[in-house]
C-alpha atoms as a PDB file:
ATOM      1  CA  MET A   1      -0.021  -0.173   0.198  1.00  0.00           C
ATOM      2  CA  THR A   2       1.576   3.654  -0.807  1.00  0.00           C
ATOM      3  CA  ASN A   3       1.447   6.612   1.055  1.00  0.00           C
ATOM      4  CA  THR A   4      -1.393   8.714  -0.691  1.00  0.00           C
ATOM      5  CA  LEU A   5       0.332  12.265   1.229  1.00  0.00           C
ATOM      6  CA  GLN A   6       4.158  11.117   0.091  1.00  0.00           C
ATOM      7  CA  ASP A   7       2.834  10.379  -3.490  1.00  0.00           C
ATOM      8  CA  SER A   8       0.968  13.157  -4.072  1.00  0.00           C
ATOM      9  CA  PHE A   9       1.101  16.767  -3.862  1.00  0.00           C
ATOM     10  CA  ALA A  10      -0.928  19.957  -4.021  1.00  0.00           C
ATOM     11  CA  CYS A  11      -1.144  23.393  -5.786  1.00  0.00           C
ATOM     12  CA  ARG A  12      -3.492  26.398  -5.774  1.00  0.00           C
ATOM     13  CA  VAL A  13      -4.931  27.296  -8.836  1.00  0.00           C
ATOM     14  CA  SER A  14      -7.686  29.728 -10.267  1.00  0.00           C
ATOM     15  CA  MET A  15      -9.435  27.183 -12.322  1.00  0.00           C
ATOM     16  CA  PRO A  16     -11.646  28.395 -15.682  1.00  0.00           C
ATOM     17  CA  ILE A  17     -15.104  27.243 -15.399  1.00  0.00           C
ATOM     18  CA  ALA A  18     -17.481  27.696 -18.732  1.00  0.00           C
ATOM     19  CA  THR A  19     -20.164  30.184 -18.448  1.00  0.00           C
ATOM     20  CA  ALA A  20     -23.502  30.077 -20.465  1.00  0.00           C
ATOM     21  CA  GLU A  21     -22.247  32.314 -22.895  1.00  0.00           C
ATOM     22  CA  GLU A  22     -20.104  31.003 -25.625  1.00  0.00           C
ATOM     23  CA  ARG A  23     -16.052  30.825 -24.834  1.00  0.00           C
ATOM     24  CA  CYS A  24     -16.635  32.977 -21.820  1.00  0.00           C
ATOM     25  CA  PHE A  25     -14.712  31.325 -18.718  1.00  0.00           C
ATOM     26  CA  ARG A  26     -14.986  32.294 -15.191  1.00  0.00           C
ATOM     27  CA  TYR A  27     -12.504  31.769 -12.784  1.00  0.00           C
ATOM     28  CA  VAL A  28     -12.648  30.160  -9.226  1.00  0.00           C
ATOM     29  CA  PRO A  29     -10.107  29.783  -6.409  1.00  0.00           C
ATOM     30  CA  ALA A  30      -9.130  25.529  -6.176  1.00  0.00           C
ATOM     31  CA  VAL A  31      -6.890  23.445  -4.915  1.00  0.00           C
ATOM     32  CA  ALA A  32      -5.735  20.562  -7.095  1.00  0.00           C
ATOM     33  CA  ILE A  33      -4.136  17.159  -5.930  1.00  0.00           C
ATOM     34  CA  PHE A  34      -1.677  15.583  -8.073  1.00  0.00           C
ATOM     35  CA  ARG A  35      -0.059  12.113  -8.023  1.00  0.00           C
ATOM     36  CA  ARG A  36       3.899  11.975  -8.312  1.00  0.00           C
ATOM     37  CA  ILE A  37       5.409  10.517 -11.205  1.00  0.00           C
ATOM     38  CA  PRO A  38       9.231   9.494 -10.890  1.00  0.00           C
ATOM     39  CA  HIS A  39      11.646  12.214 -12.850  1.00  0.00           C
ATOM     40  CA  GLU A  40      13.256   9.513 -14.827  1.00  0.00           C
ATOM     41  CA  THR A  41      10.057   8.350 -16.750  1.00  0.00           C
ATOM     42  CA  LEU A  42       8.824  11.681 -16.954  1.00  0.00           C
ATOM     43  CA  ASP A  43      10.090  12.585 -20.355  1.00  0.00           C
ATOM     44  CA  THR A  44       8.422   9.190 -21.663  1.00  0.00           C
ATOM     45  CA  TRP A  45       4.594   9.704 -19.665  1.00  0.00           C
ATOM     46  CA  LEU A  46       5.058  13.184 -21.740  1.00  0.00           C
ATOM     47  CA  MET A  47       5.842  11.678 -25.230  1.00  0.00           C
ATOM     48  CA  PRO A  48       5.955   7.738 -25.469  1.00  0.00           C
ATOM     49  CA  ASN A  49       7.230   6.612 -28.518  1.00  0.00           C
ATOM     50  CA  GLY A  50       7.918  10.348 -29.409  1.00  0.00           C
ATOM     51  CA  LYS A  51       4.632  10.935 -29.719  1.00  0.00           C
ATOM     52  CA  ALA A  52       3.257  13.817 -27.792  1.00  0.00           C
ATOM     53  CA  ARG A  53       0.018  13.621 -25.653  1.00  0.00           C
ATOM     54  CA  GLY A  54      -3.045  15.859 -25.439  1.00  0.00           C
ATOM     55  CA  ASP A  55      -3.432  17.768 -22.109  1.00  0.00           C
ATOM     56  CA  ARG A  56      -6.907  16.353 -21.097  1.00  0.00           C
ATOM     57  CA  GLU A  57      -5.188  12.572 -21.631  1.00  0.00           C
ATOM     58  CA  LEU A  58      -1.998  13.580 -19.207  1.00  0.00           C
ATOM     59  CA  ALA A  59      -4.356  15.781 -16.417  1.00  0.00           C
ATOM     60  CA  SER A  60      -6.501  12.668 -16.050  1.00  0.00           C
ATOM     61  CA  GLU A  61      -3.584  10.805 -15.351  1.00  0.00           C
ATOM     62  CA  VAL A  62      -2.242  13.177 -12.846  1.00  0.00           C
ATOM     63  CA  LEU A  63      -5.252  15.041 -11.352  1.00  0.00           C
ATOM     64  CA  ILE A  64      -6.279  13.037  -8.397  1.00  0.00           C
ATOM     65  CA  GLU A  65      -8.987  15.326  -7.295  1.00  0.00           C
ATOM     66  CA  VAL A  66     -10.039  19.070  -7.271  1.00  0.00           C
ATOM     67  CA  ARG A  67     -11.705  21.333  -4.419  1.00  0.00           C
ATOM     68  CA  HIS A  68     -13.032  24.576  -4.261  1.00  0.00           C
ATOM     69  CA  ALA A  69     -10.620  26.718  -2.205  1.00  0.00           C
ATOM     70  CA  GLY A  70     -13.468  27.801  -0.173  1.00  0.00           C
ATOM     71  CA  ASP A  71     -13.081  30.416   2.271  1.00  0.00           C
ATOM     72  CA  ASP A  72     -11.793  29.986   6.139  1.00  0.00           C
ATOM     73  CA  SER A  73     -15.515  29.293   7.749  1.00  0.00           C
ATOM     74  CA  GLY A  74     -14.582  25.801   8.417  1.00  0.00           C
ATOM     75  CA  ALA A  75     -17.010  24.112   5.941  1.00  0.00           C
ATOM     76  CA  THR A  76     -15.829  21.328   3.891  1.00  0.00           C
ATOM     77  CA  PRO A  77     -14.356  22.112   0.484  1.00  0.00           C
ATOM     78  CA  GLN A  78     -16.696  21.173  -2.007  1.00  0.00           C
ATOM     79  CA  ARG A  79     -14.970  18.763  -4.854  1.00  0.00           C
ATOM     80  CA  PHE A  80     -15.397  19.002  -8.377  1.00  0.00           C
ATOM     81  CA  ASP A  81     -15.824  16.138 -10.974  1.00  0.00           C
ATOM     82  CA  LEU A  82     -12.853  15.591 -12.515  1.00  0.00           C
ATOM     83  CA  SER A  83     -14.519  14.520 -15.610  1.00  0.00           C
ATOM     84  CA  GLU A  84     -16.122  17.734 -16.112  1.00  0.00           C
ATOM     85  CA  VAL A  85     -13.440  19.983 -15.040  1.00  0.00           C
ATOM     86  CA  LEU A  86     -11.245  18.248 -17.821  1.00  0.00           C
ATOM     87  CA  ASP A  87     -13.814  18.718 -20.424  1.00  0.00           C
ATOM     88  CA  VAL A  88     -12.821  22.657 -20.282  1.00  0.00           C
ATOM     89  CA  GLY A  89      -9.674  22.471 -22.406  1.00  0.00           C
ATOM     90  CA  ARG A  90      -8.288  25.388 -20.706  1.00  0.00           C
ATOM     91  CA  ALA A  91      -8.351  24.079 -17.425  1.00  0.00           C
ATOM     92  CA  ALA A  92      -6.846  20.823 -18.515  1.00  0.00           C
ATOM     93  CA  SER A  93      -3.603  23.155 -20.029  1.00  0.00           C
ATOM     94  CA  LEU A  94      -3.863  24.961 -16.462  1.00  0.00           C
ATOM     95  CA  PHE A  95      -3.622  21.759 -14.759  1.00  0.00           C
ATOM     96  CA  VAL A  96      -1.103  20.078 -17.080  1.00  0.00           C
ATOM     97  CA  SER A  97       1.141  23.087 -16.843  1.00  0.00           C
ATOM     98  CA  THR A  98       0.702  23.440 -13.193  1.00  0.00           C
ATOM     99  CA  PHE A  99       1.581  19.419 -12.590  1.00  0.00           C
ATOM    100  CA  LEU A 100       5.118  20.303 -14.470  1.00  0.00           C
ATOM    101  CA  SER A 101       6.014  23.284 -12.583  1.00  0.00           C
ATOM    102  CA  SER A 102       5.293  22.740  -9.297  1.00  0.00           C
ATOM    103  CA  LEU A 103       6.374  18.834  -9.200  1.00  0.00           C
ATOM    104  CA  PRO A 104       8.545  18.646  -6.599  1.00  0.00           C
ATOM    105  CA  ARG A 105      12.236  17.672  -7.635  1.00  0.00           C
ATOM    106  CA  PRO A 106      14.420  15.236  -6.174  1.00  0.00           C
END
C-alpha cells in the first residue's frame, strides 16, 4: 500500500469554469491534488514513442482531486467532478502546466 500523502502534492490554482455565454469563463479558486511521477519516467510519460499526448489525457492521469479553495469558515470544501473539469480544454492545459512547473524535484 502506498502513502497517498507522499505520493501526491497540492497546488492552489485559479480554475476556469465555462459560463452560459459561448467562450466565456469565470475563474474560481481551487486546490488541485496531483499524483507524483518519478522524474526518470517523465519524458516517456509526456511523449511515449516520441508522440505528444493531449492535455486532457495527461491531466486525467495525474489529477487526483480538485476542490474549491473555499473560505476560512471551516466548512468542508466542495469537490469538483474531474470529468467535468477536464471537459474545459483551458482547465486541462492549466492543470498540466501547473503539474509540470510544481512537480517536486528530487
